[in-house]
PDB file of N, CA and C in Angstrom:
ATOM      1  N   MET A   1       0.576  -1.045   0.310  1.00  0.00           N
ATOM      2  CA  MET A   1      -0.014   0.115  -0.242  1.00  0.00           C
ATOM      3  C   MET A   1       0.859   1.113  -0.148  1.00  0.00           C
ATOM      4  N   ASN A   2       0.562   2.165  -1.040  1.00  0.00           N
ATOM      5  CA  ASN A   2       1.614   3.399  -1.185  1.00  0.00           C
ATOM      6  C   ASN A   2       0.710   4.334  -0.243  1.00  0.00           C
ATOM      7  N   VAL A   3       1.469   4.771   0.661  1.00  0.00           N
ATOM      8  CA  VAL A   3       1.250   6.129   1.680  1.00  0.00           C
ATOM      9  C   VAL A   3       0.403   7.232   1.008  1.00  0.00           C
ATOM     10  N   TYR A   4       1.136   7.587   0.285  1.00  0.00           N
ATOM     11  CA  TYR A   4       1.192   8.959  -0.536  1.00  0.00           C
ATOM     12  C   TYR A   4      -0.459   8.799  -1.108  1.00  0.00           C
ATOM     13  N   SER A   5      -0.295   7.768  -1.933  1.00  0.00           N
ATOM     14  CA  SER A   5      -1.830   7.466  -2.698  1.00  0.00           C
ATOM     15  C   SER A   5      -2.815   7.737  -2.005  1.00  0.00           C
ATOM     16  N   GLN A   6      -2.934   6.491  -0.498  1.00  0.00           N
ATOM     17  CA  GLN A   6      -3.690   6.959   0.575  1.00  0.00           C
ATOM     18  C   GLN A   6      -3.669   8.044   0.959  1.00  0.00           C
ATOM     19  N   ALA A   7      -2.946   9.022   1.245  1.00  0.00           N
ATOM     20  CA  ALA A   7      -2.881  10.189   1.711  1.00  0.00           C
ATOM     21  C   ALA A   7      -3.805  11.363   0.637  1.00  0.00           C
ATOM     22  N   HIS A   8      -3.637  11.403  -0.793  1.00  0.00           N
ATOM     23  CA  HIS A   8      -4.369  11.784  -1.672  1.00  0.00           C
ATOM     24  C   HIS A   8      -5.732  11.380  -2.041  1.00  0.00           C
ATOM     25  N   SER A   9      -5.991  10.029  -1.383  1.00  0.00           N
ATOM     26  CA  SER A   9      -7.357   9.657  -1.386  1.00  0.00           C
ATOM     27  C   SER A   9      -8.013  10.018  -0.754  1.00  0.00           C
ATOM     28  N   LEU A  10      -7.374  10.475   1.011  1.00  0.00           N
ATOM     29  CA  LEU A  10      -8.114  10.777   2.171  1.00  0.00           C
ATOM     30  C   LEU A  10      -8.506  12.386   1.667  1.00  0.00           C
ATOM     31  N   ALA A  11      -7.414  13.117   1.232  1.00  0.00           N
ATOM     32  CA  ALA A  11      -7.682  14.386   0.659  1.00  0.00           C
ATOM     33  C   ALA A  11      -9.124  14.642   0.023  1.00  0.00           C
ATOM     34  N   ALA A  12      -8.930  13.527  -1.238  1.00  0.00           N
ATOM     35  CA  ALA A  12     -10.254  13.810  -2.260  1.00  0.00           C
ATOM     36  C   ALA A  12     -11.568  13.301  -1.401  1.00  0.00           C
ATOM     37  N   ALA A  13     -11.449  12.515  -0.427  1.00  0.00           N
ATOM     38  CA  ALA A  13     -12.778  12.515   0.562  1.00  0.00           C
ATOM     39  C   ALA A  13     -13.240  13.602   1.181  1.00  0.00           C
ATOM     40  N   ILE A  14     -12.006  14.167   1.954  1.00  0.00           N
ATOM     41  CA  ILE A  14     -12.277  15.698   2.674  1.00  0.00           C
ATOM     42  C   ILE A  14     -13.012  16.492   1.936  1.00  0.00           C
ATOM     43  N   LYS A  15     -12.660  16.606   0.761  1.00  0.00           N
ATOM     44  CA  LYS A  15     -13.162  17.793  -0.268  1.00  0.00           C
ATOM     45  C   LYS A  15     -14.414  17.411  -0.675  1.00  0.00           C
ATOM     46  N   GLU A  16     -14.824  16.315  -0.867  1.00  0.00           N
ATOM     47  CA  GLU A  16     -16.009  15.550  -0.760  1.00  0.00           C
ATOM     48  C   GLU A  16     -17.205  15.867   0.310  1.00  0.00           C
ATOM     49  N   SER A  17     -16.599  15.843   1.379  1.00  0.00           N
ATOM     50  CA  SER A  17     -17.519  15.897   2.536  1.00  0.00           C
ATOM     51  C   SER A  17     -18.335  17.263   2.587  1.00  0.00           C
ATOM     52  N   ASP A  18     -19.481  16.607   3.250  1.00  0.00           N
ATOM     53  CA  ASP A  18     -20.391  17.906   3.105  1.00  0.00           C
ATOM     54  C   ASP A  18     -19.822  18.678   4.130  1.00  0.00           C
ATOM     55  N   GLU A  19     -19.432  18.385   5.334  1.00  0.00           N
ATOM     56  CA  GLU A  19     -18.149  19.861   6.116  1.00  0.00           C
ATOM     57  C   GLU A  19     -17.446  20.560   5.267  1.00  0.00           C
ATOM     58  N   TYR A  20     -16.999  20.092   4.519  1.00  0.00           N
ATOM     59  CA  TYR A  20     -15.917  20.871   3.631  1.00  0.00           C
ATOM     60  C   TYR A  20     -16.603  21.916   2.565  1.00  0.00           C
ATOM     61  N   LYS A  21     -17.487  20.842   1.892  1.00  0.00           N
ATOM     62  CA  LYS A  21     -18.203  21.704   0.688  1.00  0.00           C
ATOM     63  C   LYS A  21     -19.141  22.767   1.468  1.00  0.00           C
ATOM     64  N   SER A  22     -19.471  22.948   2.563  1.00  0.00           N
ATOM     65  CA  SER A  22     -20.532  23.841   3.303  1.00  0.00           C
ATOM     66  C   SER A  22     -19.312  24.752   3.339  1.00  0.00           C
ATOM     67  N   TYR A  23     -18.253  24.714   4.620  1.00  0.00           N
ATOM     68  CA  TYR A  23     -17.171  25.870   4.708  1.00  0.00           C
ATOM     69  C   TYR A  23     -16.919  26.365   3.825  1.00  0.00           C
ATOM     70  N   LYS A  24     -16.941  25.658   2.632  1.00  0.00           N
ATOM     71  CA  LYS A  24     -15.799  25.929   1.106  1.00  0.00           C
ATOM     72  C   LYS A  24     -17.132  27.046   0.428  1.00  0.00           C
ATOM     73  N   GLN A  25     -18.136  26.822   0.332  1.00  0.00           N
ATOM     74  CA  GLN A  25     -19.016  27.778   0.088  1.00  0.00           C
ATOM     75  C   GLN A  25     -19.322  28.900   0.568  1.00  0.00           C
ATOM     76  N   LEU A  26     -19.617  28.511   1.827  1.00  0.00           N
ATOM     77  CA  LEU A  26     -19.568  29.807   2.935  1.00  0.00           C
ATOM     78  C   LEU A  26     -18.368  31.115   2.812  1.00  0.00           C
ATOM     79  N   ARG A  27     -17.177  30.273   2.847  1.00  0.00           N
ATOM     80  CA  ARG A  27     -16.127  31.162   2.637  1.00  0.00           C
ATOM     81  C   ARG A  27     -15.996  31.761   1.426  1.00  0.00           C
ATOM     82  N   ASP A  28     -16.347  31.034   0.191  1.00  0.00           N
ATOM     83  CA  ASP A  28     -16.480  32.172  -0.722  1.00  0.00           C
ATOM     84  C   ASP A  28     -17.485  33.143  -0.675  1.00  0.00           C
ATOM     85  N   LYS A  29     -18.623  32.867  -0.018  1.00  0.00           N
ATOM     86  CA  LYS A  29     -19.684  33.599  -0.120  1.00  0.00           C
ATOM     87  C   LYS A  29     -19.066  35.324   0.815  1.00  0.00           C
ATOM     88  N   ILE A  30     -18.152  34.972   1.678  1.00  0.00           N
ATOM     89  CA  ILE A  30     -17.473  35.833   2.581  1.00  0.00           C
ATOM     90  C   ILE A  30     -16.579  36.465   2.000  1.00  0.00           C
ATOM     91  N   ASP A  31     -15.849  35.595   1.029  1.00  0.00           N
ATOM     92  CA  ASP A  31     -14.649  36.565   0.397  1.00  0.00           C
ATOM     93  C   ASP A  31     -15.276  37.796  -0.703  1.00  0.00           C
ATOM     94  N   ALA A  32     -16.321  37.061  -1.590  1.00  0.00           N
ATOM     95  CA  ALA A  32     -17.147  37.884  -2.297  1.00  0.00           C
ATOM     96  C   ALA A  32     -17.398  39.185  -2.027  1.00  0.00           C
ATOM     97  N   ASN A  33     -17.759  39.389  -0.445  1.00  0.00           N
ATOM     98  CA  ASN A  33     -18.163  40.777   0.242  1.00  0.00           C
ATOM     99  C   ASN A  33     -16.807  41.318   0.890  1.00  0.00           C
ATOM    100  N   PRO A  34     -16.225  42.034   0.329  1.00  0.00           N
ATOM    101  CA  PRO A  34     -15.131  42.695   0.965  1.00  0.00           C
ATOM    102  C   PRO A  34     -15.187  43.251   2.222  1.00  0.00           C
ATOM    103  N   GLN A  35     -16.384  43.575   2.600  1.00  0.00           N
ATOM    104  CA  GLN A  35     -16.432  44.535   3.888  1.00  0.00           C
ATOM    105  C   GLN A  35     -16.441  43.065   4.871  1.00  0.00           C
ATOM    106  N   LEU A  36     -17.306  42.220   4.342  1.00  0.00           N
ATOM    107  CA  LEU A  36     -17.564  40.749   5.556  1.00  0.00           C
ATOM    108  C   LEU A  36     -16.077  40.012   5.176  1.00  0.00           C
ATOM    109  N   ALA A  37     -15.384  39.987   4.311  1.00  0.00           N
ATOM    110  CA  ALA A  37     -14.049  39.456   4.296  1.00  0.00           C
ATOM    111  C   ALA A  37     -13.509  40.181   5.384  1.00  0.00           C
ATOM    112  N   ALA A  38     -13.561  41.356   5.300  1.00  0.00           N
ATOM    113  CA  ALA A  38     -12.447  42.308   6.191  1.00  0.00           C
ATOM    114  C   ALA A  38     -12.770  41.933   8.068  1.00  0.00           C
ATOM    115  N   ILE A  39     -13.902  41.880   8.041  1.00  0.00           N
ATOM    116  CA  ILE A  39     -14.308  41.557   9.402  1.00  0.00           C
ATOM    117  C   ILE A  39     -13.977  40.678   9.995  1.00  0.00           C
ATOM    118  N   VAL A  40     -14.386  39.201   9.164  1.00  0.00           N
ATOM    119  CA  VAL A  40     -13.957  38.146   9.378  1.00  0.00           C
ATOM    120  C   VAL A  40     -12.356  37.593   9.532  1.00  0.00           C
ATOM    121  N   ASN A  41     -11.628  38.207   8.731  1.00  0.00           N
ATOM    122  CA  ASN A  41     -10.117  37.929   8.687  1.00  0.00           C
ATOM    123  C   ASN A  41      -9.347  38.683   9.873  1.00  0.00           C
ATOM    124  N   ASP A  42     -10.230  40.017  10.106  1.00  0.00           N
ATOM    125  CA  ASP A  42      -9.810  40.602  11.243  1.00  0.00           C
ATOM    126  C   ASP A  42     -10.113  39.981  12.476  1.00  0.00           C
ATOM    127  N   LEU A  43     -11.131  39.406  12.612  1.00  0.00           N
ATOM    128  CA  LEU A  43     -11.388  38.798  14.113  1.00  0.00           C
ATOM    129  C   LEU A  43     -10.504  37.372  14.042  1.00  0.00           C
ATOM    130  N   GLN A  44      -9.976  36.729  12.912  1.00  0.00           N
ATOM    131  CA  GLN A  44      -9.387  35.562  12.901  1.00  0.00           C
ATOM    132  C   GLN A  44      -8.104  36.066  13.287  1.00  0.00           C
ATOM    133  N   ALA A  45      -7.440  37.257  12.722  1.00  0.00           N
ATOM    134  CA  ALA A  45      -6.162  37.419  13.121  1.00  0.00           C
ATOM    135  C   ALA A  45      -6.192  37.830  14.405  1.00  0.00           C
ATOM    136  N   LYS A  46      -7.047  38.545  15.229  1.00  0.00           N
ATOM    137  CA  LYS A  46      -6.887  38.672  16.411  1.00  0.00           C
ATOM    138  C   LYS A  46      -7.038  37.143  17.488  1.00  0.00           C
ATOM    139  N   GLN A  47      -7.817  36.452  16.819  1.00  0.00           N
ATOM    140  CA  GLN A  47      -7.805  34.767  17.551  1.00  0.00           C
ATOM    141  C   GLN A  47      -6.615  34.470  17.378  1.00  0.00           C
ATOM    142  N   LEU A  48      -6.072  34.333  16.518  1.00  0.00           N
ATOM    143  CA  LEU A  48      -4.424  33.801  16.414  1.00  0.00           C
ATOM    144  C   LEU A  48      -3.638  34.226  16.832  1.00  0.00           C
ATOM    145  N   GLU A  49      -3.603  35.852  16.964  1.00  0.00           N
ATOM    146  CA  GLU A  49      -2.647  36.533  17.938  1.00  0.00           C
ATOM    147  C   GLU A  49      -2.812  36.233  19.493  1.00  0.00           C
ATOM    148  N   LEU A  50      -3.992  36.269  20.195  1.00  0.00           N
ATOM    149  CA  LEU A  50      -4.125  35.641  21.375  1.00  0.00           C
ATOM    150  C   LEU A  50      -3.920  34.199  21.576  1.00  0.00           C
ATOM    151  N   SER A  51      -4.111  33.353  20.570  1.00  0.00           N
ATOM    152  CA  SER A  51      -3.902  32.083  20.821  1.00  0.00           C
ATOM    153  C   SER A  51      -2.165  32.211  21.018  1.00  0.00           C
ATOM    154  N   MET A  52      -1.700  32.779  19.861  1.00  0.00           N
ATOM    155  CA  MET A  52      -0.038  32.543  20.010  1.00  0.00           C
ATOM    156  C   MET A  52       0.914  33.274  21.528  1.00  0.00           C
ATOM    157  N   LYS A  53       0.176  34.308  21.617  1.00  0.00           N
ATOM    158  CA  LYS A  53       0.523  34.626  23.219  1.00  0.00           C
ATOM    159  C   LYS A  53      -0.009  33.716  24.531  1.00  0.00           C
ATOM    160  N   GLN A  54      -1.101  32.846  24.120  1.00  0.00           N
ATOM    161  CA  GLN A  54      -1.222  32.121  25.541  1.00  0.00           C
ATOM    162  C   GLN A  54      -0.206  30.934  24.851  1.00  0.00           C
ATOM    163  N   MET A  55       0.194  30.366  23.883  1.00  0.00           N
ATOM    164  CA  MET A  55       0.981  28.997  23.644  1.00  0.00           C
ATOM    165  C   MET A  55       2.501  29.283  23.916  1.00  0.00           C
ATOM    166  N   SER A  56       2.706  30.954  24.174  1.00  0.00           N
ATOM    167  CA  SER A  56       4.317  31.216  24.434  1.00  0.00           C
ATOM    168  C   SER A  56       4.149  31.540  26.118  1.00  0.00           C
ATOM    169  N   GLY A  57       3.280  31.288  26.533  1.00  0.00           N
ATOM    170  CA  GLY A  57       3.069  31.652  28.161  1.00  0.00           C
ATOM    171  C   GLY A  57       2.492  32.987  28.606  1.00  0.00           C
ATOM    172  N   GLN A  58       2.651  33.847  27.830  1.00  0.00           N
ATOM    173  CA  GLN A  58       1.623  35.212  28.287  1.00  0.00           C
ATOM    174  C   GLN A  58       0.021  35.058  28.503  1.00  0.00           C
ATOM    175  N   SER A  59       0.135  36.016  29.542  1.00  0.00           N
ATOM    176  CA  SER A  59      -1.388  35.715  30.121  1.00  0.00           C
ATOM    177  C   SER A  59      -2.105  37.162  29.156  1.00  0.00           C
ATOM    178  N   ILE A  60      -3.670  36.714  29.201  1.00  0.00           N
ATOM    179  CA  ILE A  60      -4.034  37.615  28.469  1.00  0.00           C
ATOM    180  C   ILE A  60      -4.965  37.910  29.353  1.00  0.00           C
ATOM    181  N   ASP A  61      -5.189  39.557  29.765  1.00  0.00           N
ATOM    182  CA  ASP A  61      -5.588  40.153  30.431  1.00  0.00           C
ATOM    183  C   ASP A  61      -7.288  40.064  30.532  1.00  0.00           C
ATOM    184  N   SER A  62      -8.212  40.228  31.198  1.00  0.00           N
ATOM    185  CA  SER A  62      -9.541  39.987  31.299  1.00  0.00           C
ATOM    186  C   SER A  62     -10.167  41.080  30.380  1.00  0.00           C
ATOM    187  N   ASP A  63      -9.168  42.299  30.446  1.00  0.00           N
ATOM    188  CA  ASP A  63      -9.974  43.323  29.510  1.00  0.00           C
ATOM    189  C   ASP A  63     -10.061  42.970  28.069  1.00  0.00           C
ATOM    190  N   MET A  64      -9.003  42.219  27.390  1.00  0.00           N
ATOM    191  CA  MET A  64      -8.489  41.908  26.051  1.00  0.00           C
ATOM    192  C   MET A  64      -9.645  40.529  25.947  1.00  0.00           C
ATOM    193  N   GLN A  65      -9.668  39.887  26.533  1.00  0.00           N
ATOM    194  CA  GLN A  65     -10.663  38.738  26.430  1.00  0.00           C
ATOM    195  C   GLN A  65     -12.018  39.036  26.655  1.00  0.00           C
ATOM    196  N   ALA A  66     -12.226  40.138  27.346  1.00  0.00           N
ATOM    197  CA  ALA A  66     -13.861  40.805  26.936  1.00  0.00           C
ATOM    198  C   ALA A  66     -13.892  41.374  25.749  1.00  0.00           C
ATOM    199  N   LYS A  67     -13.047  42.441  25.254  1.00  0.00           N
ATOM    200  CA  LYS A  67     -13.021  43.134  24.065  1.00  0.00           C
ATOM    201  C   LYS A  67     -13.244  41.944  22.972  1.00  0.00           C
ATOM    202  N   MET A  68     -12.810  40.605  23.103  1.00  0.00           N
ATOM    203  CA  MET A  68     -12.780  39.683  21.773  1.00  0.00           C
ATOM    204  C   MET A  68     -14.072  39.170  22.197  1.00  0.00           C
ATOM    205  N   MET A  69     -14.417  38.903  23.418  1.00  0.00           N
ATOM    206  CA  MET A  69     -16.049  38.244  23.379  1.00  0.00           C
ATOM    207  C   MET A  69     -16.843  39.193  23.067  1.00  0.00           C
ATOM    208  N   GLN A  70     -16.735  40.497  23.258  1.00  0.00           N
ATOM    209  CA  GLN A  70     -17.780  41.484  22.168  1.00  0.00           C
ATOM    210  C   GLN A  70     -17.995  41.428  20.929  1.00  0.00           C
ATOM    211  N   LEU A  71     -16.482  41.799  20.366  1.00  0.00           N
ATOM    212  CA  LEU A  71     -16.166  41.367  19.154  1.00  0.00           C
ATOM    213  C   LEU A  71     -16.999  40.354  18.424  1.00  0.00           C
ATOM    214  N   TYR A  72     -16.517  39.171  18.921  1.00  0.00           N
ATOM    215  CA  TYR A  72     -17.138  38.284  18.445  1.00  0.00           C
ATOM    216  C   TYR A  72     -18.757  38.287  18.662  1.00  0.00           C
ATOM    217  N   GLN A  73     -19.333  38.235  19.692  1.00  0.00           N
ATOM    218  CA  GLN A  73     -20.725  38.459  19.929  1.00  0.00           C
ATOM    219  C   GLN A  73     -21.743  39.521  18.893  1.00  0.00           C
ATOM    220  N   ASP A  74     -20.467  40.591  18.821  1.00  0.00           N
ATOM    221  CA  ASP A  74     -21.447  41.634  17.549  1.00  0.00           C
ATOM    222  C   ASP A  74     -21.418  40.946  16.336  1.00  0.00           C
ATOM    223  N   MET A  75     -20.363  40.220  16.029  1.00  0.00           N
ATOM    224  CA  MET A  75     -20.290  39.752  14.592  1.00  0.00           C
ATOM    225  C   MET A  75     -20.902  38.916  14.308  1.00  0.00           C
ATOM    226  N   MET A  76     -21.388  37.683  15.075  1.00  0.00           N
ATOM    227  CA  MET A  76     -22.489  36.823  14.755  1.00  0.00           C
ATOM    228  C   MET A  76     -23.999  37.363  14.495  1.00  0.00           C
ATOM    229  N   ARG A  77     -23.799  38.594  14.949  1.00  0.00           N
ATOM    230  CA  ARG A  77     -25.211  38.980  14.795  1.00  0.00           C
ATOM    231  C   ARG A  77     -25.772  38.679  13.144  1.00  0.00           C
ATOM    232  N   ASP A  78     -24.432  38.958  12.662  1.00  0.00           N
ATOM    233  CA  ASP A  78     -24.615  38.953  10.790  1.00  0.00           C
ATOM    234  C   ASP A  78     -24.781  37.446  10.897  1.00  0.00           C
ATOM    235  N   PRO A  79     -26.030  37.189  10.147  1.00  0.00           N
ATOM    236  CA  PRO A  79     -26.086  35.805   9.613  1.00  0.00           C
ATOM    237  C   PRO A  79     -25.263  35.224   8.802  1.00  0.00           C
ATOM    238  N   SER A  80     -24.732  35.843   7.830  1.00  0.00           N
ATOM    239  CA  SER A  80     -23.591  35.248   7.373  1.00  0.00           C
ATOM    240  C   SER A  80     -22.599  34.871   7.599  1.00  0.00           C
ATOM    241  N   ILE A  81     -22.087  36.183   8.538  1.00  0.00           N
ATOM    242  CA  ILE A  81     -21.055  35.534   9.227  1.00  0.00           C
ATOM    243  C   ILE A  81     -21.223  34.670  10.390  1.00  0.00           C
ATOM    244  N   ALA A  82     -22.056  34.189  11.057  1.00  0.00           N
ATOM    245  CA  ALA A  82     -22.715  33.090  12.020  1.00  0.00           C
ATOM    246  C   ALA A  82     -22.487  31.836  11.287  1.00  0.00           C
ATOM    247  N   GLU A  83     -23.444  31.918  10.332  1.00  0.00           N
ATOM    248  CA  GLU A  83     -23.607  30.718   9.351  1.00  0.00           C
ATOM    249  C   GLU A  83     -21.883  30.366   8.908  1.00  0.00           C
ATOM    250  N   TYR A  84     -21.186  31.281   8.678  1.00  0.00           N
ATOM    251  CA  TYR A  84     -19.738  30.932   8.333  1.00  0.00           C
ATOM    252  C   TYR A  84     -19.099  30.214   9.364  1.00  0.00           C
ATOM    253  N   PHE A  85     -18.963  31.058  10.527  1.00  0.00           N
ATOM    254  CA  PHE A  85     -18.381  30.363  11.771  1.00  0.00           C
ATOM    255  C   PHE A  85     -18.826  28.681  12.268  1.00  0.00           C
ATOM    256  N   GLN A  86     -19.832  28.847  12.114  1.00  0.00           N
ATOM    257  CA  GLN A  86     -20.736  27.493  12.569  1.00  0.00           C
ATOM    258  C   GLN A  86     -20.416  26.317  11.388  1.00  0.00           C
ATOM    259  N   SER A  87     -20.235  26.885  10.224  1.00  0.00           N
ATOM    260  CA  SER A  87     -19.732  25.701   9.264  1.00  0.00           C
ATOM    261  C   SER A  87     -17.998  25.320   9.330  1.00  0.00           C
ATOM    262  N   GLU A  88     -17.662  26.898  10.031  1.00  0.00           N
ATOM    263  CA  GLU A  88     -16.058  26.239  10.250  1.00  0.00           C
ATOM    264  C   GLU A  88     -15.499  25.394  11.348  1.00  0.00           C
ATOM    265  N   MET A  89     -16.416  25.644  12.402  1.00  0.00           N
ATOM    266  CA  MET A  89     -16.247  24.685  13.489  1.00  0.00           C
ATOM    267  C   MET A  89     -17.003  23.027  13.052  1.00  0.00           C
ATOM    268  N   ARG A  90     -17.610  22.841  12.149  1.00  0.00           N
ATOM    269  CA  ARG A  90     -17.836  21.843  12.169  1.00  0.00           C
ATOM    270  C   ARG A  90     -16.974  21.345  11.293  1.00  0.00           C
ATOM    271  N   PHE A  91     -16.235  22.004  10.184  1.00  0.00           N
ATOM    272  CA  PHE A  91     -14.856  20.900   9.529  1.00  0.00           C
ATOM    273  C   PHE A  91     -13.834  21.227  10.476  1.00  0.00           C
ATOM    274  N   SER A  92     -13.565  22.139  11.255  1.00  0.00           N
ATOM    275  CA  SER A  92     -12.292  21.899  11.632  1.00  0.00           C
ATOM    276  C   SER A  92     -12.861  20.515  12.990  1.00  0.00           C
ATOM    277  N   LEU A  93     -13.798  20.569  13.559  1.00  0.00           N
ATOM    278  CA  LEU A  93     -14.335  19.337  14.159  1.00  0.00           C
ATOM    279  C   LEU A  93     -14.045  17.976  13.446  1.00  0.00           C
ATOM    280  N   MET A  94     -14.049  18.218  12.092  1.00  0.00           N
ATOM    281  CA  MET A  94     -14.278  17.065  11.658  1.00  0.00           C
ATOM    282  C   MET A  94     -12.738  16.446  11.026  1.00  0.00           C
ATOM    283  N   MET A  95     -11.886  17.860  10.693  1.00  0.00           N
ATOM    284  CA  MET A  95     -10.486  17.585  10.733  1.00  0.00           C
ATOM    285  C   MET A  95      -9.413  16.585  12.195  1.00  0.00           C
ATOM    286  N   GLN A  96     -10.038  17.571  13.288  1.00  0.00           N
ATOM    287  CA  GLN A  96      -9.669  17.239  14.339  1.00  0.00           C
ATOM    288  C   GLN A  96      -9.588  15.493  14.614  1.00  0.00           C
ATOM    289  N   ASP A  97     -10.990  15.012  14.605  1.00  0.00           N
ATOM    290  CA  ASP A  97     -11.470  13.692  14.316  1.00  0.00           C
ATOM    291  C   ASP A  97     -10.657  12.892  13.369  1.00  0.00           C
ATOM    292  N   VAL A  98      -9.827  13.373  12.280  1.00  0.00           N
ATOM    293  CA  VAL A  98      -9.066  12.656  11.353  1.00  0.00           C
ATOM    294  C   VAL A  98      -7.685  12.905  11.686  1.00  0.00           C
ATOM    295  N   TYR A  99      -7.137  13.581  12.636  1.00  0.00           N
ATOM    296  CA  TYR A  99      -5.781  13.985  13.339  1.00  0.00           C
ATOM    297  C   TYR A  99      -5.753  12.911  14.038  1.00  0.00           C
ATOM    298  N   LYS A 100      -6.917  13.011  14.763  1.00  0.00           N
ATOM    299  CA  LYS A 100      -6.898  12.097  16.148  1.00  0.00           C
ATOM    300  C   LYS A 100      -6.760  10.595  15.587  1.00  0.00           C
ATOM    301  N   ILE A 101      -7.435   9.919  14.714  1.00  0.00           N
ATOM    302  CA  ILE A 101      -7.661   8.878  14.057  1.00  0.00           C
ATOM    303  C   ILE A 101      -5.863   8.170  13.400  1.00  0.00           C
ATOM    304  N   LEU A 102      -5.726   9.698  12.979  1.00  0.00           N
ATOM    305  CA  LEU A 102      -4.508   8.948  12.553  1.00  0.00           C
ATOM    306  C   LEU A 102      -3.124   9.170  13.471  1.00  0.00           C
ATOM    307  N   GLY A 103      -3.308   9.956  14.493  1.00  0.00           N
ATOM    308  CA  GLY A 103      -2.181   9.885  15.423  1.00  0.00           C
ATOM    309  C   GLY A 103      -2.222   8.668  16.363  1.00  0.00           C
ATOM    310  N   ASP A 104      -3.873   7.864  16.581  1.00  0.00           N
ATOM    311  CA  ASP A 104      -4.154   6.998  17.645  1.00  0.00           C
ATOM    312  C   ASP A 104      -3.341   5.735  16.650  1.00  0.00           C
ATOM    313  N   ALA A 105      -3.804   5.737  15.273  1.00  0.00           N
ATOM    314  CA  ALA A 105      -3.072   4.497  14.843  1.00  0.00           C
ATOM    315  C   ALA A 105      -1.600   4.344  14.633  1.00  0.00           C
ATOM    316  N   VAL A 106      -1.208   5.353  14.842  1.00  0.00           N
ATOM    317  CA  VAL A 106       0.485   5.104  15.070  1.00  0.00           C
ATOM    318  C   VAL A 106       1.035   5.425  16.455  1.00  0.00           C
ATOM    319  N   GLY A 107       0.225   5.598  17.456  1.00  0.00           N
ATOM    320  CA  GLY A 107       0.501   5.492  18.593  1.00  0.00           C
ATOM    321  C   GLY A 107       0.873   6.878  18.765  1.00  0.00           C
ATOM    322  N   MET A 108       0.833   8.028  18.192  1.00  0.00           N
ATOM    323  CA  MET A 108       1.371   9.338  18.401  1.00  0.00           C
ATOM    324  C   MET A 108       0.446  10.195  19.441  1.00  0.00           C
ATOM    325  N   LYS A 109       0.809  10.769  20.433  1.00  0.00           N
ATOM    326  CA  LYS A 109       0.173  11.410  21.229  1.00  0.00           C
ATOM    327  C   LYS A 109      -0.004  13.146  20.787  1.00  0.00           C
ATOM    328  N   MET A 110      -1.242  13.169  20.705  1.00  0.00           N
ATOM    329  CA  MET A 110      -1.794  14.587  19.993  1.00  0.00           C
ATOM    330  C   MET A 110      -2.553  15.602  20.975  1.00  0.00           C
ATOM    331  N   PRO A 111      -1.500  16.116  21.668  1.00  0.00           N
ATOM    332  CA  PRO A 111      -1.775  17.318  22.673  1.00  0.00           C
ATOM    333  C   PRO A 111      -3.400  17.871  22.519  1.00  0.00           C
ATOM    334  N   GLY A 112      -4.415  17.813  23.139  1.00  0.00           N
ATOM    335  CA  GLY A 112      -5.629  18.638  22.775  1.00  0.00           C
ATOM    336  C   GLY A 112      -6.223  17.759  22.360  1.00  0.00           C
ATOM    337  N   LEU A 113      -5.905  16.378  21.852  1.00  0.00           N
ATOM    338  CA  LEU A 113      -7.276  15.661  21.079  1.00  0.00           C
ATOM    339  C   LEU A 113      -7.415  14.703  21.807  1.00  0.00           C
ATOM    340  N   GLU A 114      -6.749  14.212  23.174  1.00  0.00           N
ATOM    341  CA  GLU A 114      -6.887  13.308  23.704  1.00  0.00           C
ATOM    342  C   GLU A 114      -8.186  12.812  24.125  1.00  0.00           C
ATOM    343  N   ASP A 115      -9.129  13.721  24.318  1.00  0.00           N
ATOM    344  CA  ASP A 115     -10.714  13.392  24.934  1.00  0.00           C
ATOM    345  C   ASP A 115     -11.490  13.554  23.841  1.00  0.00           C
ATOM    346  N   ILE A 116     -11.033  13.476  22.653  1.00  0.00           N
ATOM    347  CA  ILE A 116     -11.848  13.961  21.602  1.00  0.00           C
ATOM    348  C   ILE A 116     -12.518  12.311  20.830  1.00  0.00           C
ATOM    349  N   SER A 117     -13.902  12.265  20.849  1.00  0.00           N
ATOM    350  CA  SER A 117     -14.375  10.808  20.398  1.00  0.00           C
ATOM    351  C   SER A 117     -14.657  10.890  18.948  1.00  0.00           C
ATOM    352  N   CYS A 118     -14.221  10.405  18.316  1.00  0.00           N
ATOM    353  CA  CYS A 118     -14.479  10.391  16.554  1.00  0.00           C
ATOM    354  C   CYS A 118     -15.508  10.009  15.769  1.00  0.00           C
ATOM    355  N   GLY A 119     -16.318  10.738  15.647  1.00  0.00           N
ATOM    356  CA  GLY A 119     -17.641  10.333  14.969  1.00  0.00           C
ATOM    357  C   GLY A 119     -17.138   9.213  13.505  1.00  0.00           C
ATOM    358  N   ASN A 120     -18.110   7.942  13.171  1.00  0.00           N
ATOM    359  CA  ASN A 120     -17.665   7.080  12.242  1.00  0.00           C
ATOM    360  C   ASN A 120     -16.550   6.678  12.488  1.00  0.00           C
ATOM    361  N   ALA A 121     -15.924   5.910  13.313  1.00  0.00           N
ATOM    362  CA  ALA A 121     -14.180   5.456  13.360  1.00  0.00           C
ATOM    363  C   ALA A 121     -14.444   4.107  13.851  1.00  0.00           C
TER     364      ALA A 121
END
């Protein structure tokens, strides 16, 4: 069995999944609206910045957390953005399941994924 062929088959299966198709369709819808795209990209950049700070051991003050929560809540009032983030979450959960299945198969410990129960496994 060729591992790379199987990896390409897995990639094709992911691209055919409902989770990916929904995510891709909604991402394209967001990207077609420059104003929405800027808002979503800004939030994602801020989320990444906070995550990087947390991973490097820096503490996040409660004021910054409150601002991020308020920004997120404000954005979720827009139906297109809310639908996109829900779809992104479903796709991300599917990908976490895939990573966990692969890691478990080869005995790798994957921090943060130990307690995830995989669907259709």
